[in-house]
Amino acid sequence: MDKDLIDRLTIRQLVDNWVVWRDAGDWSRFRTVWHDDGVMQATWTQGTADEFIAMSKEGWAKGVSILHFLGGNSIDLEGDRAISQTKMTISQRARVHGVEVDVVCTGRFYDFIERRAGKWGFVLRQPIYEKDRMDAVDPAAKLQLDATLLASFPAGYRHLAYAQHEIGYKIKKDMPGLQGPEVEALYARGARWLKGGAL
């Protein structure tokens, strides 16, 4: 089989394993998709892979429910480095002002992935948040959001941020969205890194 195709299939399997093992709480296997210096960026936590795993475990113990679903994937490959973009949704169930809600956020995982000593692994995972919505699980429930608080979060993930804020997380407010300087800076960073630049 063509080496380029094998690399692309291996990278896609890495992306799939991230989602399946993370959402299943299979933390020992989940750790294997990261390089030792891997970094995770999210609305509710930013840090090393080990810090992300610790925060995820802590959230699980508190009943935090965040799931991921994947769609199409595109990979830019340059030798031992790759930028992988994968369409995704983040689905979170939470209680907001006493009402059980589902929040669905659509976006992309923008991943810096590298082969070291023959092994592909995540160096940086940076989600791009494109649009989201919040719905009461019970259609008859009355949900009233604080309009000022909602508007204080970026448009691409404001409902997700609102729900995460309500359960006690500090929200990062400058994550990349579908358009704007944050996502343009991310694309430029990815292009430089693919050409051998520092992360």
N, C-alpha and C. Protein backbone atom coordinates (compact mmCIF):
# COMPACT_ATOMS: atom_id res chain seq x y z
N MET A 1 0.85 -1.19 0.00
CA MET A 1 0.00 0.00 0.00
C MET A 1 0.89 1.25 0.00
N ASP A 2 0.43 2.31 -0.65
CA ASP A 2 1.17 3.56 -0.73
C ASP A 2 1.47 4.13 0.66
N LYS A 3 2.72 4.57 0.90
CA LYS A 3 3.13 5.05 2.21
C LYS A 3 2.31 6.27 2.64
N ASP A 4 2.04 7.18 1.71
CA ASP A 4 1.25 8.37 2.02
C ASP A 4 -0.14 7.98 2.52
N LEU A 5 -0.75 7.00 1.85
CA LEU A 5 -2.08 6.55 2.25
C LEU A 5 -2.04 5.88 3.62
N ILE A 6 -1.01 5.09 3.89
CA ILE A 6 -0.86 4.45 5.20
C ILE A 6 -0.76 5.51 6.29
N ASP A 7 0.03 6.56 6.04
CA ASP A 7 0.15 7.64 7.02
C ASP A 7 -1.19 8.30 7.27
N ARG A 8 -1.93 8.58 6.21
CA ARG A 8 -3.23 9.25 6.36
C ARG A 8 -4.23 8.37 7.11
N LEU A 9 -4.23 7.07 6.82
CA LEU A 9 -5.12 6.16 7.54
C LEU A 9 -4.73 6.05 9.01
N THR A 10 -3.43 6.06 9.29
CA THR A 10 -2.95 5.99 10.67
C THR A 10 -3.36 7.23 11.44
N ILE A 11 -3.24 8.40 10.80
CA ILE A 11 -3.63 9.65 11.45
C ILE A 11 -5.13 9.68 11.70
N ARG A 12 -5.92 9.24 10.72
CA ARG A 12 -7.38 9.21 10.93
C ARG A 12 -7.74 8.25 12.05
N GLN A 13 -7.07 7.12 12.14
CA GLN A 13 -7.34 6.19 13.24
C GLN A 13 -7.00 6.82 14.58
N LEU A 14 -5.94 7.61 14.62
CA LEU A 14 -5.55 8.32 15.84
C LEU A 14 -6.67 9.28 16.27
N VAL A 15 -7.21 10.02 15.30
CA VAL A 15 -8.30 10.97 15.57
C VAL A 15 -9.53 10.22 16.09
N ASP A 16 -9.87 9.10 15.46
CA ASP A 16 -11.02 8.30 15.89
C ASP A 16 -10.80 7.73 17.30
N ASN A 17 -9.59 7.24 17.55
CA ASN A 17 -9.30 6.67 18.87
C ASN A 17 -9.42 7.72 19.96
N TRP A 18 -8.99 8.95 19.68
CA TRP A 18 -9.11 10.04 20.66
C TRP A 18 -10.55 10.14 21.15
N VAL A 19 -11.49 10.18 20.22
CA VAL A 19 -12.90 10.38 20.57
C VAL A 19 -13.49 9.16 21.29
N VAL A 20 -13.24 7.99 20.75
CA VAL A 20 -13.84 6.78 21.34
C VAL A 20 -13.29 6.54 22.74
N TRP A 21 -11.98 6.61 22.90
CA TRP A 21 -11.37 6.30 24.20
C TRP A 21 -11.65 7.39 25.22
N ARG A 22 -11.66 8.66 24.79
CA ARG A 22 -11.96 9.74 25.73
C ARG A 22 -13.39 9.64 26.22
N ASP A 23 -14.34 9.47 25.31
CA ASP A 23 -15.75 9.45 25.69
C ASP A 23 -16.12 8.18 26.46
N ALA A 24 -15.34 7.12 26.29
CA ALA A 24 -15.57 5.88 27.04
C ALA A 24 -14.86 5.89 28.40
N GLY A 25 -14.03 6.91 28.64
CA GLY A 25 -13.27 6.94 29.89
C GLY A 25 -12.18 5.90 29.94
N ASP A 26 -11.67 5.50 28.77
CA ASP A 26 -10.59 4.52 28.69
C ASP A 26 -9.26 5.28 28.76
N TRP A 27 -8.95 5.77 29.96
CA TRP A 27 -7.89 6.76 30.11
C TRP A 27 -6.50 6.23 29.80
N SER A 28 -6.22 4.98 30.07
CA SER A 28 -4.88 4.45 29.79
C SER A 28 -4.63 4.38 28.28
N ARG A 29 -5.62 3.94 27.52
CA ARG A 29 -5.45 3.92 26.06
C ARG A 29 -5.51 5.34 25.50
N PHE A 30 -6.35 6.18 26.08
CA PHE A 30 -6.46 7.57 25.62
C PHE A 30 -5.10 8.28 25.73
N ARG A 31 -4.36 8.00 26.78
CA ARG A 31 -3.05 8.65 26.95
C ARG A 31 -2.10 8.29 25.82
N THR A 32 -2.28 7.12 25.18
CA THR A 32 -1.34 6.67 24.15
C THR A 32 -1.46 7.46 22.85
N VAL A 33 -2.53 8.21 22.65
CA VAL A 33 -2.66 8.98 21.39
C VAL A 33 -1.85 10.28 21.45
N TRP A 34 -1.35 10.65 22.63
CA TRP A 34 -0.61 11.90 22.83
C TRP A 34 0.89 11.65 22.89
N HIS A 35 1.66 12.61 22.38
CA HIS A 35 3.08 12.66 22.73
C HIS A 35 3.19 13.20 24.15
N ASP A 36 4.35 13.00 24.77
CA ASP A 36 4.52 13.37 26.18
C ASP A 36 4.29 14.87 26.42
N ASP A 37 4.58 15.70 25.42
CA ASP A 37 4.41 17.14 25.57
C ASP A 37 3.11 17.63 24.93
N GLY A 38 2.18 16.72 24.65
CA GLY A 38 0.92 17.08 24.01
C GLY A 38 0.10 18.06 24.83
N VAL A 39 -0.62 18.94 24.12
CA VAL A 39 -1.41 19.99 24.76
C VAL A 39 -2.84 19.95 24.22
N MET A 40 -3.80 20.10 25.12
CA MET A 40 -5.22 20.16 24.77
C MET A 40 -5.78 21.54 25.08
N GLN A 41 -6.44 22.13 24.09
CA GLN A 41 -7.15 23.40 24.28
C GLN A 41 -8.66 23.10 24.23
N ALA A 42 -9.41 23.65 25.17
CA ALA A 42 -10.86 23.52 25.16
C ALA A 42 -11.45 24.75 25.82
N THR A 43 -12.73 24.93 25.67
CA THR A 43 -13.37 26.09 26.29
C THR A 43 -13.19 26.09 27.80
N TRP A 44 -13.21 24.90 28.41
CA TRP A 44 -13.26 24.77 29.87
C TRP A 44 -11.95 24.39 30.52
N THR A 45 -10.93 24.01 29.73
CA THR A 45 -9.62 23.68 30.28
C THR A 45 -8.57 23.78 29.19
N GLN A 46 -7.38 24.20 29.58
CA GLN A 46 -6.25 24.27 28.66
C GLN A 46 -5.03 23.77 29.41
N GLY A 47 -4.29 22.86 28.79
CA GLY A 47 -3.10 22.35 29.47
C GLY A 47 -2.56 21.11 28.80
N THR A 48 -1.70 20.42 29.52
CA THR A 48 -1.08 19.21 28.98
C THR A 48 -2.11 18.09 28.86
N ALA A 49 -1.72 17.06 28.11
CA ALA A 49 -2.60 15.90 27.99
C ALA A 49 -2.91 15.30 29.35
N ASP A 50 -1.91 15.22 30.21
CA ASP A 50 -2.12 14.65 31.54
C ASP A 50 -3.07 15.52 32.37
N GLU A 51 -2.95 16.85 32.25
CA GLU A 51 -3.87 17.74 32.95
C GLU A 51 -5.29 17.59 32.41
N PHE A 52 -5.41 17.43 31.10
CA PHE A 52 -6.73 17.24 30.49
C PHE A 52 -7.37 15.95 30.98
N ILE A 53 -6.58 14.89 31.06
CA ILE A 53 -7.11 13.62 31.55
C ILE A 53 -7.55 13.77 33.00
N ALA A 54 -6.75 14.42 33.82
CA ALA A 54 -7.11 14.61 35.23
C ALA A 54 -8.39 15.42 35.36
N MET A 55 -8.52 16.49 34.57
CA MET A 55 -9.73 17.33 34.60
C MET A 55 -10.94 16.55 34.11
N SER A 56 -10.74 15.72 33.09
CA SER A 56 -11.85 14.92 32.56
C SER A 56 -12.32 13.90 33.59
N LYS A 57 -11.38 13.26 34.27
CA LYS A 57 -11.74 12.31 35.33
C LYS A 57 -12.51 13.01 36.44
N GLU A 58 -12.04 14.18 36.81
CA GLU A 58 -12.70 14.95 37.86
C GLU A 58 -14.12 15.32 37.44
N GLY A 59 -14.28 15.72 36.17
CA GLY A 59 -15.61 16.04 35.65
C GLY A 59 -16.52 14.83 35.66
N TRP A 60 -15.98 13.68 35.25
CA TRP A 60 -16.78 12.44 35.26
C TRP A 60 -17.30 12.16 36.66
N ALA A 61 -16.44 12.34 37.66
CA ALA A 61 -16.83 12.06 39.04
C ALA A 61 -17.94 12.98 39.51
N LYS A 62 -18.04 14.17 38.90
CA LYS A 62 -19.08 15.13 39.26
C LYS A 62 -20.33 15.00 38.37
N GLY A 63 -20.30 14.06 37.42
CA GLY A 63 -21.45 13.87 36.54
C GLY A 63 -21.44 14.71 35.28
N VAL A 64 -20.29 15.33 34.96
CA VAL A 64 -20.21 16.13 33.72
C VAL A 64 -20.28 15.18 32.53
N SER A 65 -21.17 15.50 31.59
CA SER A 65 -21.39 14.64 30.43
C SER A 65 -21.08 15.40 29.15
N ILE A 66 -19.91 15.12 28.55
CA ILE A 66 -19.49 15.73 27.29
C ILE A 66 -19.12 14.61 26.33
N LEU A 67 -19.79 14.57 25.17
CA LEU A 67 -19.55 13.53 24.17
C LEU A 67 -19.18 14.19 22.84
N HIS A 68 -18.52 13.41 21.96
CA HIS A 68 -18.06 13.92 20.68
C HIS A 68 -18.48 12.99 19.55
N PHE A 69 -18.78 13.58 18.41
CA PHE A 69 -19.09 12.82 17.20
C PHE A 69 -18.28 13.41 16.05
N LEU A 70 -17.76 12.54 15.18
CA LEU A 70 -16.87 12.98 14.11
C LEU A 70 -17.53 12.86 12.74
N GLY A 71 -17.07 13.74 11.83
CA GLY A 71 -17.50 13.70 10.44
C GLY A 71 -16.30 13.65 9.52
N GLY A 72 -16.36 14.40 8.43
CA GLY A 72 -15.32 14.39 7.42
C GLY A 72 -13.97 14.84 7.94
N ASN A 73 -12.92 14.40 7.25
CA ASN A 73 -11.55 14.66 7.70
C ASN A 73 -10.68 15.06 6.50
N SER A 74 -9.80 16.04 6.73
CA SER A 74 -8.84 16.46 5.72
C SER A 74 -7.47 16.58 6.38
N ILE A 75 -6.44 16.03 5.73
CA ILE A 75 -5.11 16.00 6.31
C ILE A 75 -4.11 16.64 5.36
N ASP A 76 -3.36 17.62 5.88
CA ASP A 76 -2.21 18.18 5.18
C ASP A 76 -0.97 17.52 5.77
N LEU A 77 -0.21 16.85 4.91
CA LEU A 77 0.88 16.00 5.36
C LEU A 77 2.20 16.50 4.78
N GLU A 78 3.18 16.71 5.66
CA GLU A 78 4.53 17.13 5.24
C GLU A 78 5.54 16.30 6.02
N GLY A 79 6.00 15.20 5.42
CA GLY A 79 6.98 14.35 6.08
C GLY A 79 6.44 13.77 7.38
N ASP A 80 7.07 14.14 8.49
CA ASP A 80 6.67 13.60 9.79
C ASP A 80 5.70 14.51 10.53
N ARG A 81 5.15 15.52 9.86
CA ARG A 81 4.19 16.42 10.49
C ARG A 81 2.88 16.44 9.68
N ALA A 82 1.80 16.65 10.41
CA ALA A 82 0.49 16.71 9.75
C ALA A 82 -0.41 17.70 10.48
N ILE A 83 -1.24 18.38 9.72
CA ILE A 83 -2.37 19.13 10.26
C ILE A 83 -3.62 18.38 9.82
N SER A 84 -4.38 17.92 10.80
CA SER A 84 -5.62 17.18 10.54
C SER A 84 -6.80 18.03 10.97
N GLN A 85 -7.77 18.20 10.06
CA GLN A 85 -9.01 18.89 10.40
C GLN A 85 -10.16 17.90 10.27
N THR A 86 -10.98 17.82 11.31
CA THR A 86 -12.07 16.85 11.34
C THR A 86 -13.35 17.55 11.78
N LYS A 87 -14.38 17.46 10.96
CA LYS A 87 -15.69 17.99 11.36
C LYS A 87 -16.16 17.22 12.59
N MET A 88 -16.75 17.95 13.55
CA MET A 88 -17.17 17.30 14.79
C MET A 88 -18.34 18.05 15.41
N THR A 89 -19.00 17.36 16.32
CA THR A 89 -19.95 18.01 17.22
C THR A 89 -19.58 17.64 18.65
N ILE A 90 -19.75 18.60 19.53
CA ILE A 90 -19.62 18.39 20.96
C ILE A 90 -21.02 18.43 21.53
N SER A 91 -21.39 17.41 22.28
CA SER A 91 -22.72 17.33 22.88
C SER A 91 -22.56 17.27 24.39
N GLN A 92 -23.15 18.24 25.08
CA GLN A 92 -23.05 18.27 26.54
C GLN A 92 -24.44 18.36 27.16
N ARG A 93 -24.69 17.52 28.15
CA ARG A 93 -25.92 17.58 28.94
C ARG A 93 -25.58 18.20 30.29
N ALA A 94 -26.41 19.15 30.71
CA ALA A 94 -26.15 19.85 31.97
C ALA A 94 -27.45 20.43 32.50
N ARG A 95 -27.41 20.91 33.74
CA ARG A 95 -28.54 21.64 34.31
C ARG A 95 -28.22 23.12 34.27
N VAL A 96 -29.11 23.89 33.67
CA VAL A 96 -28.97 25.33 33.55
C VAL A 96 -30.20 25.97 34.18
N HIS A 97 -30.00 26.73 35.24
CA HIS A 97 -31.10 27.37 35.98
C HIS A 97 -32.18 26.35 36.35
N GLY A 98 -31.71 25.17 36.77
CA GLY A 98 -32.62 24.12 37.23
C GLY A 98 -33.27 23.30 36.14
N VAL A 99 -32.95 23.58 34.87
CA VAL A 99 -33.55 22.87 33.74
C VAL A 99 -32.48 22.01 33.08
N GLU A 100 -32.79 20.74 32.85
CA GLU A 100 -31.85 19.86 32.16
C GLU A 100 -31.85 20.22 30.68
N VAL A 101 -30.64 20.45 30.13
CA VAL A 101 -30.51 20.88 28.73
C VAL A 101 -29.50 20.01 28.00
N ASP A 102 -29.64 20.01 26.68
CA ASP A 102 -28.61 19.48 25.80
C ASP A 102 -28.06 20.64 24.99
N VAL A 103 -26.73 20.76 24.97
CA VAL A 103 -26.06 21.74 24.13
C VAL A 103 -25.30 20.98 23.05
N VAL A 104 -25.46 21.41 21.80
CA VAL A 104 -24.74 20.81 20.69
C VAL A 104 -23.95 21.91 20.00
N CYS A 105 -22.65 21.71 19.89
CA CYS A 105 -21.76 22.67 19.24
C CYS A 105 -21.10 21.99 18.05
N THR A 106 -21.20 22.62 16.89
CA THR A 106 -20.61 22.10 15.66
C THR A 106 -19.31 22.84 15.37
N GLY A 107 -18.30 22.11 14.94
CA GLY A 107 -17.04 22.76 14.62
C GLY A 107 -16.08 21.78 13.98
N ARG A 108 -14.79 22.05 14.20
CA ARG A 108 -13.72 21.19 13.69
C ARG A 108 -12.66 21.00 14.76
N PHE A 109 -12.06 19.82 14.78
CA PHE A 109 -10.82 19.63 15.50
C PHE A 109 -9.68 19.97 14.55
N TYR A 110 -8.82 20.89 14.97
CA TYR A 110 -7.65 21.29 14.19
C TYR A 110 -6.45 20.77 14.95
N ASP A 111 -5.82 19.72 14.43
CA ASP A 111 -4.83 18.96 15.18
C ASP A 111 -3.43 19.06 14.59
N PHE A 112 -2.47 19.34 15.45
CA PHE A 112 -1.06 19.29 15.11
C PHE A 112 -0.58 17.89 15.51
N ILE A 113 -0.20 17.09 14.54
CA ILE A 113 0.14 15.68 14.78
C ILE A 113 1.53 15.43 14.20
N GLU A 114 2.34 14.67 14.92
CA GLU A 114 3.72 14.45 14.49
C GLU A 114 4.11 12.99 14.70
N ARG A 115 4.98 12.53 13.78
CA ARG A 115 5.55 11.19 13.94
C ARG A 115 6.92 11.33 14.61
N ARG A 116 7.07 10.66 15.74
CA ARG A 116 8.33 10.65 16.47
C ARG A 116 8.71 9.20 16.76
N ALA A 117 9.93 8.85 16.42
CA ALA A 117 10.40 7.47 16.63
C ALA A 117 9.42 6.47 16.04
N GLY A 118 8.86 6.82 14.88
CA GLY A 118 7.96 5.92 14.17
C GLY A 118 6.52 5.93 14.62
N LYS A 119 6.19 6.75 15.63
CA LYS A 119 4.83 6.76 16.18
C LYS A 119 4.17 8.12 15.97
N TRP A 120 2.97 8.11 15.36
CA TRP A 120 2.18 9.33 15.23
C TRP A 120 1.48 9.62 16.55
N GLY A 121 1.44 10.91 16.92
CA GLY A 121 0.75 11.30 18.15
C GLY A 121 0.37 12.76 18.12
N PHE A 122 -0.56 13.13 19.00
CA PHE A 122 -1.01 14.52 19.09
C PHE A 122 0.04 15.39 19.79
N VAL A 123 0.31 16.54 19.17
CA VAL A 123 1.15 17.56 19.79
C VAL A 123 0.25 18.67 20.34
N LEU A 124 -0.78 19.02 19.58
CA LEU A 124 -1.73 20.05 20.01
C LEU A 124 -3.09 19.78 19.37
N ARG A 125 -4.13 19.77 20.18
CA ARG A 125 -5.50 19.72 19.67
C ARG A 125 -6.17 21.05 19.98
N GLN A 126 -6.60 21.73 18.91
CA GLN A 126 -7.26 23.03 19.03
C GLN A 126 -8.63 22.97 18.33
N PRO A 127 -9.70 22.91 19.07
CA PRO A 127 -11.02 22.95 18.42
C PRO A 127 -11.30 24.32 17.81
N ILE A 128 -12.06 24.30 16.73
CA ILE A 128 -12.63 25.50 16.12
C ILE A 128 -14.13 25.40 16.34
N TYR A 129 -14.72 26.42 16.94
CA TYR A 129 -16.14 26.38 17.32
C TYR A 129 -16.95 27.23 16.33
N GLU A 130 -17.85 26.58 15.59
CA GLU A 130 -18.52 27.26 14.48
C GLU A 130 -19.94 27.75 14.82
N LYS A 131 -20.74 26.90 15.45
CA LYS A 131 -22.08 27.34 15.87
C LYS A 131 -22.61 26.37 16.90
N ASP A 132 -23.56 26.84 17.73
CA ASP A 132 -24.11 25.94 18.74
C ASP A 132 -25.54 26.33 19.08
N ARG A 133 -26.17 25.46 19.86
CA ARG A 133 -27.53 25.70 20.32
C ARG A 133 -27.76 24.97 21.63
N MET A 134 -28.81 25.40 22.34
CA MET A 134 -29.18 24.78 23.61
C MET A 134 -30.67 24.48 23.58
N ASP A 135 -31.04 23.27 24.00
CA ASP A 135 -32.44 22.87 24.04
C ASP A 135 -32.73 22.21 25.37
N ALA A 136 -33.91 22.48 25.92
CA ALA A 136 -34.35 21.76 27.12
C ALA A 136 -34.62 20.31 26.75
N VAL A 137 -34.17 19.39 27.59
CA VAL A 137 -34.42 17.96 27.34
C VAL A 137 -35.92 17.69 27.36
N ASP A 138 -36.62 18.31 28.29
CA ASP A 138 -38.08 18.23 28.36
C ASP A 138 -38.64 19.41 27.56
N PRO A 139 -39.31 19.16 26.43
CA PRO A 139 -39.80 20.26 25.60
C PRO A 139 -40.78 21.17 26.33
N ALA A 140 -41.40 20.69 27.40
CA ALA A 140 -42.36 21.51 28.14
C ALA A 140 -41.68 22.42 29.18
N ALA A 141 -40.39 22.20 29.42
CA ALA A 141 -39.70 23.00 30.44
C ALA A 141 -39.51 24.44 29.96
N LYS A 142 -39.52 25.36 30.89
CA LYS A 142 -39.34 26.78 30.60
C LYS A 142 -37.90 27.16 30.94
N LEU A 143 -37.14 27.51 29.93
CA LEU A 143 -35.74 27.87 30.12
C LEU A 143 -35.55 29.34 29.79
N GLN A 144 -35.06 30.10 30.75
CA GLN A 144 -34.83 31.54 30.56
C GLN A 144 -33.36 31.82 30.81
N LEU A 145 -32.64 32.23 29.76
CA LEU A 145 -31.21 32.52 29.89
C LEU A 145 -30.99 33.99 30.18
N ASP A 146 -29.87 34.28 30.82
CA ASP A 146 -29.45 35.66 31.07
C ASP A 146 -28.84 36.18 29.77
N ALA A 147 -29.54 37.09 29.10
CA ALA A 147 -29.11 37.57 27.78
C ALA A 147 -27.75 38.24 27.82
N THR A 148 -27.47 38.97 28.89
CA THR A 148 -26.18 39.66 29.00
C THR A 148 -25.05 38.66 29.15
N LEU A 149 -25.24 37.66 29.98
CA LEU A 149 -24.21 36.63 30.15
C LEU A 149 -24.00 35.86 28.85
N LEU A 150 -25.10 35.49 28.19
CA LEU A 150 -25.01 34.74 26.93
C LEU A 150 -24.20 35.54 25.91
N ALA A 151 -24.48 36.82 25.79
CA ALA A 151 -23.81 37.67 24.80
C ALA A 151 -22.34 37.91 25.12
N SER A 152 -21.93 37.61 26.35
CA SER A 152 -20.53 37.83 26.74
C SER A 152 -19.60 36.75 26.19
N PHE A 153 -20.17 35.67 25.66
CA PHE A 153 -19.36 34.58 25.11
C PHE A 153 -19.34 34.66 23.59
N PRO A 154 -18.27 34.17 22.94
CA PRO A 154 -18.19 34.21 21.48
C PRO A 154 -19.34 33.46 20.81
N ALA A 155 -19.76 33.96 19.65
CA ALA A 155 -20.95 33.44 18.98
C ALA A 155 -20.86 31.95 18.67
N GLY A 156 -19.68 31.44 18.32
CA GLY A 156 -19.56 30.04 17.91
C GLY A 156 -19.78 29.04 19.01
N TYR A 157 -19.63 29.47 20.28
CA TYR A 157 -19.80 28.52 21.39
C TYR A 157 -20.47 29.15 22.60
N ARG A 158 -21.32 30.13 22.37
CA ARG A 158 -21.87 30.86 23.52
C ARG A 158 -22.82 30.01 24.37
N HIS A 159 -23.60 29.12 23.77
CA HIS A 159 -24.50 28.28 24.56
C HIS A 159 -23.72 27.21 25.32
N LEU A 160 -22.70 26.66 24.66
CA LEU A 160 -21.82 25.68 25.34
C LEU A 160 -21.11 26.35 26.51
N ALA A 161 -20.58 27.54 26.28
CA ALA A 161 -19.90 28.28 27.35
C ALA A 161 -20.85 28.62 28.49
N TYR A 162 -22.08 29.00 28.16
CA TYR A 162 -23.07 29.34 29.18
C TYR A 162 -23.31 28.14 30.09
N ALA A 163 -23.52 26.98 29.48
CA ALA A 163 -23.78 25.78 30.29
C ALA A 163 -22.56 25.42 31.13
N GLN A 164 -21.36 25.52 30.54
CA GLN A 164 -20.15 25.18 31.28
C GLN A 164 -19.89 26.19 32.40
N HIS A 165 -20.19 27.44 32.15
CA HIS A 165 -20.08 28.47 33.19
C HIS A 165 -21.02 28.16 34.35
N GLU A 166 -22.21 27.73 34.03
CA GLU A 166 -23.21 27.45 35.07
C GLU A 166 -22.80 26.29 35.96
N ILE A 167 -22.00 25.36 35.46
CA ILE A 167 -21.57 24.24 36.30
C ILE A 167 -20.20 24.50 36.93
N GLY A 168 -19.68 25.73 36.75
CA GLY A 168 -18.51 26.13 37.52
C GLY A 168 -17.20 26.23 36.79
N TYR A 169 -17.18 26.05 35.46
CA TYR A 169 -15.93 26.15 34.74
C TYR A 169 -15.63 27.60 34.35
N LYS A 170 -14.33 27.94 34.34
CA LYS A 170 -13.88 29.24 33.82
C LYS A 170 -13.70 29.09 32.32
N ILE A 171 -14.35 29.96 31.55
CA ILE A 171 -14.41 29.80 30.10
C ILE A 171 -13.35 30.66 29.41
N LYS A 172 -12.62 30.05 28.48
CA LYS A 172 -11.67 30.78 27.64
C LYS A 172 -12.47 31.46 26.52
N LYS A 173 -12.34 32.78 26.41
CA LYS A 173 -13.22 33.54 25.52
C LYS A 173 -12.59 33.94 24.19
N ASP A 174 -11.41 33.42 23.89
CA ASP A 174 -10.78 33.80 22.62
C ASP A 174 -10.45 32.58 21.76
N MET A 175 -11.31 31.56 21.83
CA MET A 175 -11.11 30.39 21.00
C MET A 175 -11.50 30.68 19.55
N PRO A 176 -10.87 30.02 18.57
CA PRO A 176 -11.19 30.31 17.17
C PRO A 176 -12.59 29.86 16.79
N GLY A 177 -13.23 30.68 15.94
CA GLY A 177 -14.54 30.36 15.40
C GLY A 177 -14.46 30.17 13.89
N LEU A 178 -15.60 30.19 13.25
CA LEU A 178 -15.65 29.95 11.80
C LEU A 178 -14.87 31.02 11.04
N GLN A 179 -14.94 32.27 11.51
CA GLN A 179 -14.23 33.38 10.88
C GLN A 179 -13.59 34.24 11.96
N GLY A 180 -12.69 35.11 11.56
CA GLY A 180 -12.11 36.06 12.50
C GLY A 180 -10.62 35.90 12.70
N PRO A 181 -10.01 36.83 13.43
CA PRO A 181 -8.55 36.82 13.60
C PRO A 181 -8.02 35.59 14.32
N GLU A 182 -8.79 35.03 15.24
CA GLU A 182 -8.31 33.86 15.99
C GLU A 182 -8.11 32.65 15.06
N VAL A 183 -9.09 32.40 14.19
CA VAL A 183 -8.96 31.24 13.31
C VAL A 183 -7.92 31.50 12.22
N GLU A 184 -7.81 32.74 11.76
CA GLU A 184 -6.78 33.06 10.76
C GLU A 184 -5.39 32.87 11.36
N ALA A 185 -5.21 33.27 12.61
CA ALA A 185 -3.93 33.07 13.29
C ALA A 185 -3.62 31.58 13.45
N LEU A 186 -4.65 30.78 13.71
CA LEU A 186 -4.46 29.33 13.84
C LEU A 186 -4.01 28.72 12.52
N TYR A 187 -4.66 29.12 11.41
CA TYR A 187 -4.26 28.61 10.10
C TYR A 187 -2.80 28.97 9.79
N ALA A 188 -2.42 30.20 10.11
CA ALA A 188 -1.04 30.63 9.85
C ALA A 188 -0.06 29.84 10.71
N ARG A 189 -0.45 29.59 11.95
CA ARG A 189 0.40 28.81 12.85
C ARG A 189 0.59 27.40 12.32
N GLY A 190 -0.51 26.81 11.85
CA GLY A 190 -0.44 25.46 11.29
C GLY A 190 0.44 25.39 10.05
N ALA A 191 0.33 26.39 9.18
CA ALA A 191 1.14 26.41 7.96
C ALA A 191 2.63 26.53 8.30
N ARG A 192 2.97 27.39 9.27
CA ARG A 192 4.37 27.53 9.67
C ARG A 192 4.91 26.24 10.28
N TRP A 193 4.09 25.61 11.10
CA TRP A 193 4.51 24.38 11.77
C TRP A 193 4.75 23.26 10.76
N LEU A 194 3.87 23.16 9.76
CA LEU A 194 4.04 22.14 8.73
C LEU A 194 5.36 22.30 7.99
N LYS A 195 5.82 23.53 7.85
CA LYS A 195 7.08 23.80 7.14
C LYS A 195 8.28 23.65 8.05
N GLY A 196 8.08 23.17 9.28
CA GLY A 196 9.19 22.91 10.18
C GLY A 196 9.37 23.93 11.28
N GLY A 197 8.46 24.92 11.38
CA GLY A 197 8.57 25.94 12.40
C GLY A 197 8.25 25.41 13.79
N ALA A 198 8.60 26.21 14.79
CA ALA A 198 8.30 25.84 16.17
C ALA A 198 6.81 25.99 16.44
N LEU A 199 6.32 25.21 17.39
CA LEU A 199 4.89 25.27 17.73
C LEU A 199 4.59 26.56 18.47
